[in-house]
Amino acid sequence: MRAELTKFKVKEGKSALVDEWIQYMQNNMDDVLLNLEGEKMYVETIFREVFMDVEYLYWYSLQSDNHETIVDEDLDEKHLEYMDACIDKTFRPADMQAEVMMLPDHIKKFMR
């Protein structure tokens, strides 16, 4: 099982578009969850932060080491369009190092 946390910088002036993106995911949650299942992604959470007037999105995920990508192409394409429009590519995404994963065995077994 793999835990990941990545920090992305939002392009200046794109907060309203990020709101739209988040709303899009919420409005299409059934399809989003099907995509997660197809990726063997057990948990995916997006956090939002504004620090010193700069906005960031943090992606946290917990995913199987052995996964195949079976996704809804339209949903994935729309997600990538939002990402391209909102994420500042001049800021190198910061991948945090997972040092300890505290997940009881009975939960891991249930997830598999």
N, C-alpha and C. Protein backbone atom coordinates (compact mmCIF):
# COMPACT_ATOMS: atom_id res chain seq x y z
N MET A 1 0.84 -1.17 0.00
CA MET A 1 0.00 0.00 0.00
C MET A 1 0.89 1.25 0.00
N ARG A 2 0.48 2.25 -0.72
CA ARG A 2 1.29 3.45 -0.89
C ARG A 2 0.50 4.69 -0.46
N ALA A 3 1.10 5.51 0.40
CA ALA A 3 0.51 6.78 0.81
C ALA A 3 1.30 7.90 0.16
N GLU A 4 0.60 8.85 -0.42
CA GLU A 4 1.26 9.99 -1.07
C GLU A 4 0.61 11.30 -0.65
N LEU A 5 1.42 12.33 -0.55
CA LEU A 5 0.94 13.68 -0.29
C LEU A 5 1.78 14.61 -1.16
N THR A 6 1.10 15.36 -2.03
CA THR A 6 1.79 16.26 -2.96
C THR A 6 1.18 17.64 -2.88
N LYS A 7 2.03 18.64 -2.88
CA LYS A 7 1.62 20.05 -2.80
C LYS A 7 1.75 20.68 -4.18
N PHE A 8 0.66 21.33 -4.63
CA PHE A 8 0.64 22.04 -5.91
C PHE A 8 0.30 23.50 -5.66
N LYS A 9 0.90 24.38 -6.41
CA LYS A 9 0.60 25.81 -6.33
C LYS A 9 -0.47 26.14 -7.35
N VAL A 10 -1.46 26.92 -6.92
CA VAL A 10 -2.54 27.36 -7.80
C VAL A 10 -2.08 28.63 -8.52
N LYS A 11 -2.37 28.71 -9.81
CA LYS A 11 -2.05 29.91 -10.58
C LYS A 11 -2.79 31.11 -9.98
N GLU A 12 -2.12 32.23 -9.98
CA GLU A 12 -2.71 33.46 -9.46
C GLU A 12 -3.99 33.78 -10.23
N GLY A 13 -5.03 34.14 -9.50
CA GLY A 13 -6.30 34.51 -10.11
C GLY A 13 -7.19 33.34 -10.49
N LYS A 14 -6.83 32.12 -10.10
CA LYS A 14 -7.60 30.94 -10.50
C LYS A 14 -8.42 30.32 -9.36
N SER A 15 -8.56 31.04 -8.25
CA SER A 15 -9.32 30.50 -7.12
C SER A 15 -10.75 30.17 -7.49
N ALA A 16 -11.40 31.03 -8.26
CA ALA A 16 -12.79 30.78 -8.66
C ALA A 16 -12.87 29.52 -9.53
N LEU A 17 -11.88 29.31 -10.37
CA LEU A 17 -11.85 28.11 -11.21
C LEU A 17 -11.60 26.87 -10.35
N VAL A 18 -10.79 27.00 -9.31
CA VAL A 18 -10.59 25.88 -8.38
C VAL A 18 -11.92 25.56 -7.70
N ASP A 19 -12.68 26.61 -7.30
CA ASP A 19 -14.01 26.39 -6.72
C ASP A 19 -14.88 25.57 -7.67
N GLU A 20 -14.85 25.95 -8.95
CA GLU A 20 -15.63 25.24 -9.98
C GLU A 20 -15.17 23.80 -10.10
N TRP A 21 -13.86 23.58 -10.08
CA TRP A 21 -13.27 22.25 -10.18
C TRP A 21 -13.74 21.36 -9.02
N ILE A 22 -13.66 21.91 -7.82
CA ILE A 22 -14.08 21.17 -6.62
C ILE A 22 -15.57 20.84 -6.73
N GLN A 23 -16.36 21.82 -7.16
CA GLN A 23 -17.80 21.60 -7.31
C GLN A 23 -18.07 20.53 -8.37
N TYR A 24 -17.31 20.55 -9.45
CA TYR A 24 -17.44 19.53 -10.50
C TYR A 24 -17.23 18.14 -9.91
N MET A 25 -16.18 17.98 -9.09
CA MET A 25 -15.92 16.68 -8.49
C MET A 25 -17.05 16.28 -7.54
N GLN A 26 -17.52 17.24 -6.76
CA GLN A 26 -18.62 16.95 -5.83
C GLN A 26 -19.89 16.57 -6.58
N ASN A 27 -20.17 17.26 -7.68
CA ASN A 27 -21.38 16.98 -8.47
C ASN A 27 -21.30 15.66 -9.22
N ASN A 28 -20.10 15.16 -9.44
CA ASN A 28 -19.89 13.91 -10.18
C ASN A 28 -19.27 12.83 -9.29
N MET A 29 -19.59 12.87 -8.01
CA MET A 29 -18.92 12.00 -7.04
C MET A 29 -19.10 10.51 -7.36
N ASP A 30 -20.26 10.10 -7.86
CA ASP A 30 -20.43 8.69 -8.19
C ASP A 30 -19.40 8.24 -9.21
N ASP A 31 -19.19 9.05 -10.25
CA ASP A 31 -18.20 8.71 -11.27
C ASP A 31 -16.78 8.83 -10.73
N VAL A 32 -16.54 9.83 -9.90
CA VAL A 32 -15.22 10.00 -9.29
C VAL A 32 -14.88 8.74 -8.48
N LEU A 33 -15.84 8.26 -7.70
CA LEU A 33 -15.59 7.08 -6.87
C LEU A 33 -15.38 5.83 -7.71
N LEU A 34 -16.07 5.73 -8.84
CA LEU A 34 -15.82 4.61 -9.76
C LEU A 34 -14.40 4.66 -10.31
N ASN A 35 -13.93 5.88 -10.65
CA ASN A 35 -12.55 6.03 -11.12
C ASN A 35 -11.57 5.61 -10.03
N LEU A 36 -11.82 6.03 -8.81
CA LEU A 36 -10.92 5.65 -7.71
C LEU A 36 -10.87 4.14 -7.56
N GLU A 37 -12.03 3.53 -7.65
CA GLU A 37 -12.07 2.06 -7.54
C GLU A 37 -11.27 1.41 -8.67
N GLY A 38 -11.40 1.94 -9.89
CA GLY A 38 -10.67 1.41 -11.03
C GLY A 38 -9.16 1.58 -10.89
N GLU A 39 -8.74 2.57 -10.12
CA GLU A 39 -7.31 2.81 -9.88
C GLU A 39 -6.83 2.14 -8.60
N LYS A 40 -7.72 1.41 -7.92
CA LYS A 40 -7.43 0.84 -6.60
C LYS A 40 -6.90 1.91 -5.66
N MET A 41 -7.54 3.08 -5.75
CA MET A 41 -7.25 4.21 -4.89
C MET A 41 -8.25 4.14 -3.74
N TYR A 42 -7.77 3.85 -2.54
CA TYR A 42 -8.66 3.65 -1.41
C TYR A 42 -9.15 4.97 -0.83
N VAL A 43 -8.27 5.96 -0.81
CA VAL A 43 -8.61 7.27 -0.27
C VAL A 43 -7.91 8.31 -1.13
N GLU A 44 -8.64 9.35 -1.47
CA GLU A 44 -8.02 10.52 -2.10
C GLU A 44 -8.70 11.74 -1.52
N THR A 45 -7.90 12.63 -1.00
CA THR A 45 -8.42 13.84 -0.37
C THR A 45 -7.64 15.03 -0.91
N ILE A 46 -8.37 16.11 -1.19
CA ILE A 46 -7.73 17.35 -1.63
C ILE A 46 -7.90 18.38 -0.53
N PHE A 47 -6.78 18.92 -0.09
CA PHE A 47 -6.78 19.99 0.91
C PHE A 47 -6.43 21.29 0.20
N ARG A 48 -6.92 22.38 0.75
CA ARG A 48 -6.69 23.70 0.16
C ARG A 48 -6.14 24.62 1.23
N GLU A 49 -5.13 25.41 0.85
CA GLU A 49 -4.50 26.32 1.80
C GLU A 49 -4.15 27.62 1.08
N VAL A 50 -4.32 28.72 1.81
CA VAL A 50 -3.79 30.00 1.35
C VAL A 50 -2.77 30.41 2.39
N PHE A 51 -1.53 30.55 1.96
CA PHE A 51 -0.43 30.91 2.85
C PHE A 51 0.29 32.11 2.25
N MET A 52 0.33 33.19 3.00
CA MET A 52 0.97 34.44 2.56
C MET A 52 0.44 34.84 1.17
N ASP A 53 -0.88 34.81 1.04
CA ASP A 53 -1.58 35.21 -0.19
C ASP A 53 -1.31 34.32 -1.40
N VAL A 54 -0.78 33.13 -1.19
CA VAL A 54 -0.55 32.17 -2.27
C VAL A 54 -1.38 30.94 -1.96
N GLU A 55 -2.11 30.47 -2.97
CA GLU A 55 -3.00 29.33 -2.77
C GLU A 55 -2.32 28.03 -3.21
N TYR A 56 -2.54 26.99 -2.41
CA TYR A 56 -1.98 25.67 -2.69
C TYR A 56 -3.07 24.61 -2.56
N LEU A 57 -2.93 23.55 -3.32
CA LEU A 57 -3.75 22.36 -3.18
C LEU A 57 -2.82 21.21 -2.80
N TYR A 58 -3.27 20.42 -1.85
CA TYR A 58 -2.52 19.24 -1.41
C TYR A 58 -3.35 18.01 -1.74
N TRP A 59 -2.75 17.06 -2.41
CA TRP A 59 -3.41 15.80 -2.75
C TRP A 59 -2.87 14.72 -1.84
N TYR A 60 -3.75 14.10 -1.07
CA TYR A 60 -3.38 12.96 -0.24
C TYR A 60 -4.06 11.73 -0.83
N SER A 61 -3.31 10.65 -0.97
CA SER A 61 -3.92 9.42 -1.47
C SER A 61 -3.33 8.20 -0.78
N LEU A 62 -4.17 7.20 -0.72
CA LEU A 62 -3.78 5.90 -0.21
C LEU A 62 -4.20 4.91 -1.28
N GLN A 63 -3.22 4.23 -1.88
CA GLN A 63 -3.47 3.42 -3.07
C GLN A 63 -2.76 2.08 -2.96
N SER A 64 -3.34 1.09 -3.61
CA SER A 64 -2.73 -0.22 -3.69
C SER A 64 -1.41 -0.13 -4.46
N ASP A 65 -0.44 -0.92 -4.05
CA ASP A 65 0.81 -1.00 -4.82
C ASP A 65 0.57 -1.63 -6.18
N ASN A 66 -0.37 -2.55 -6.24
CA ASN A 66 -0.69 -3.24 -7.49
C ASN A 66 -2.01 -2.69 -8.02
N HIS A 67 -1.90 -1.78 -8.97
CA HIS A 67 -3.13 -1.20 -9.50
C HIS A 67 -3.08 -1.10 -11.01
N GLU A 68 -4.24 -1.20 -11.58
CA GLU A 68 -4.41 -0.98 -13.01
C GLU A 68 -5.28 0.25 -13.15
N THR A 69 -5.08 1.00 -14.20
CA THR A 69 -5.89 2.19 -14.40
C THR A 69 -7.06 1.87 -15.31
N ILE A 70 -8.24 1.85 -14.71
CA ILE A 70 -9.49 1.66 -15.45
C ILE A 70 -10.36 2.85 -15.06
N VAL A 71 -10.43 3.85 -15.94
CA VAL A 71 -11.11 5.09 -15.57
C VAL A 71 -12.11 5.54 -16.63
N ASP A 72 -12.99 6.44 -16.20
CA ASP A 72 -13.92 7.11 -17.10
C ASP A 72 -13.12 8.17 -17.84
N GLU A 73 -12.93 7.99 -19.13
CA GLU A 73 -12.08 8.87 -19.93
C GLU A 73 -12.57 10.33 -19.91
N ASP A 74 -13.90 10.54 -20.01
CA ASP A 74 -14.44 11.90 -20.04
C ASP A 74 -14.18 12.63 -18.73
N LEU A 75 -14.42 11.94 -17.63
CA LEU A 75 -14.18 12.53 -16.32
C LEU A 75 -12.70 12.84 -16.13
N ASP A 76 -11.86 11.91 -16.52
CA ASP A 76 -10.42 12.10 -16.39
C ASP A 76 -9.94 13.28 -17.25
N GLU A 77 -10.48 13.39 -18.46
CA GLU A 77 -10.11 14.48 -19.36
C GLU A 77 -10.50 15.83 -18.76
N LYS A 78 -11.71 15.91 -18.19
CA LYS A 78 -12.18 17.16 -17.58
C LYS A 78 -11.29 17.52 -16.38
N HIS A 79 -10.95 16.53 -15.59
CA HIS A 79 -10.08 16.73 -14.43
C HIS A 79 -8.72 17.29 -14.89
N LEU A 80 -8.16 16.72 -15.95
CA LEU A 80 -6.86 17.18 -16.47
C LEU A 80 -6.96 18.60 -17.05
N GLU A 81 -8.11 18.94 -17.65
CA GLU A 81 -8.32 20.30 -18.14
C GLU A 81 -8.29 21.30 -16.99
N TYR A 82 -9.00 20.98 -15.90
CA TYR A 82 -8.98 21.86 -14.72
C TYR A 82 -7.57 21.96 -14.16
N MET A 83 -6.89 20.83 -14.08
CA MET A 83 -5.54 20.82 -13.53
C MET A 83 -4.62 21.72 -14.36
N ASP A 84 -4.70 21.59 -15.67
CA ASP A 84 -3.88 22.40 -16.56
C ASP A 84 -4.19 23.90 -16.41
N ALA A 85 -5.46 24.23 -16.24
CA ALA A 85 -5.88 25.63 -16.13
C ALA A 85 -5.55 26.23 -14.76
N CYS A 86 -5.51 25.40 -13.72
CA CYS A 86 -5.39 25.91 -12.36
C CYS A 86 -4.01 25.77 -11.72
N ILE A 87 -3.27 24.76 -12.09
CA ILE A 87 -2.00 24.46 -11.40
C ILE A 87 -0.84 25.19 -12.07
N ASP A 88 -0.07 25.88 -11.25
CA ASP A 88 1.10 26.64 -11.71
C ASP A 88 2.25 25.67 -11.99
N LYS A 89 2.58 25.51 -13.25
CA LYS A 89 3.63 24.56 -13.63
C LYS A 89 5.04 25.10 -13.40
N THR A 90 5.15 26.38 -13.05
CA THR A 90 6.47 26.92 -12.73
C THR A 90 6.88 26.54 -11.31
N PHE A 91 5.94 26.05 -10.51
CA PHE A 91 6.21 25.57 -9.15
C PHE A 91 6.32 24.06 -9.21
N ARG A 92 7.46 23.54 -8.86
CA ARG A 92 7.64 22.09 -8.89
C ARG A 92 6.81 21.46 -7.77
N PRO A 93 5.90 20.53 -8.10
CA PRO A 93 5.10 19.90 -7.04
C PRO A 93 5.99 19.31 -5.97
N ALA A 94 5.60 19.52 -4.73
CA ALA A 94 6.39 19.03 -3.60
C ALA A 94 5.78 17.73 -3.11
N ASP A 95 6.51 16.63 -3.29
CA ASP A 95 6.07 15.33 -2.79
C ASP A 95 6.61 15.16 -1.37
N MET A 96 5.70 14.97 -0.44
CA MET A 96 6.09 14.76 0.95
C MET A 96 6.49 13.29 1.12
N GLN A 97 7.41 13.05 2.01
CA GLN A 97 7.89 11.70 2.28
C GLN A 97 7.06 11.09 3.40
N ALA A 98 6.40 9.98 3.14
CA ALA A 98 5.65 9.27 4.18
C ALA A 98 6.64 8.53 5.07
N GLU A 99 6.66 8.87 6.32
CA GLU A 99 7.59 8.25 7.26
C GLU A 99 6.94 7.10 8.04
N VAL A 100 5.68 7.26 8.37
CA VAL A 100 4.98 6.25 9.15
C VAL A 100 3.55 6.17 8.64
N MET A 101 3.07 4.95 8.37
CA MET A 101 1.66 4.78 8.02
C MET A 101 1.01 4.02 9.16
N MET A 102 0.06 4.65 9.79
CA MET A 102 -0.64 4.05 10.92
C MET A 102 -2.01 3.59 10.44
N LEU A 103 -2.08 2.35 10.04
CA LEU A 103 -3.30 1.76 9.50
C LEU A 103 -3.41 0.34 10.05
N PRO A 104 -4.40 0.09 10.90
CA PRO A 104 -4.53 -1.24 11.49
C PRO A 104 -4.70 -2.32 10.42
N ASP A 105 -4.17 -3.52 10.71
CA ASP A 105 -4.24 -4.63 9.76
C ASP A 105 -5.67 -4.97 9.36
N HIS A 106 -6.61 -4.89 10.30
CA HIS A 106 -7.99 -5.25 9.95
C HIS A 106 -8.59 -4.25 8.96
N ILE A 107 -8.13 -3.02 8.96
CA ILE A 107 -8.59 -2.03 7.98
C ILE A 107 -7.92 -2.32 6.63
N LYS A 108 -6.63 -2.63 6.65
CA LYS A 108 -5.93 -2.99 5.41
C LYS A 108 -6.60 -4.18 4.74
N LYS A 109 -6.92 -5.20 5.50
CA LYS A 109 -7.57 -6.39 4.95
C LYS A 109 -8.92 -6.03 4.36
N PHE A 110 -9.65 -5.19 5.03
CA PHE A 110 -10.97 -4.76 4.57
C PHE A 110 -10.84 -3.99 3.24
N MET A 111 -9.81 -3.17 3.12
CA MET A 111 -9.61 -2.35 1.94
C MET A 111 -9.28 -3.22 0.72
N ARG A 112 -8.56 -4.29 0.94
CA ARG A 112 -8.16 -5.17 -0.16
C ARG A 112 -9.35 -5.96 -0.62
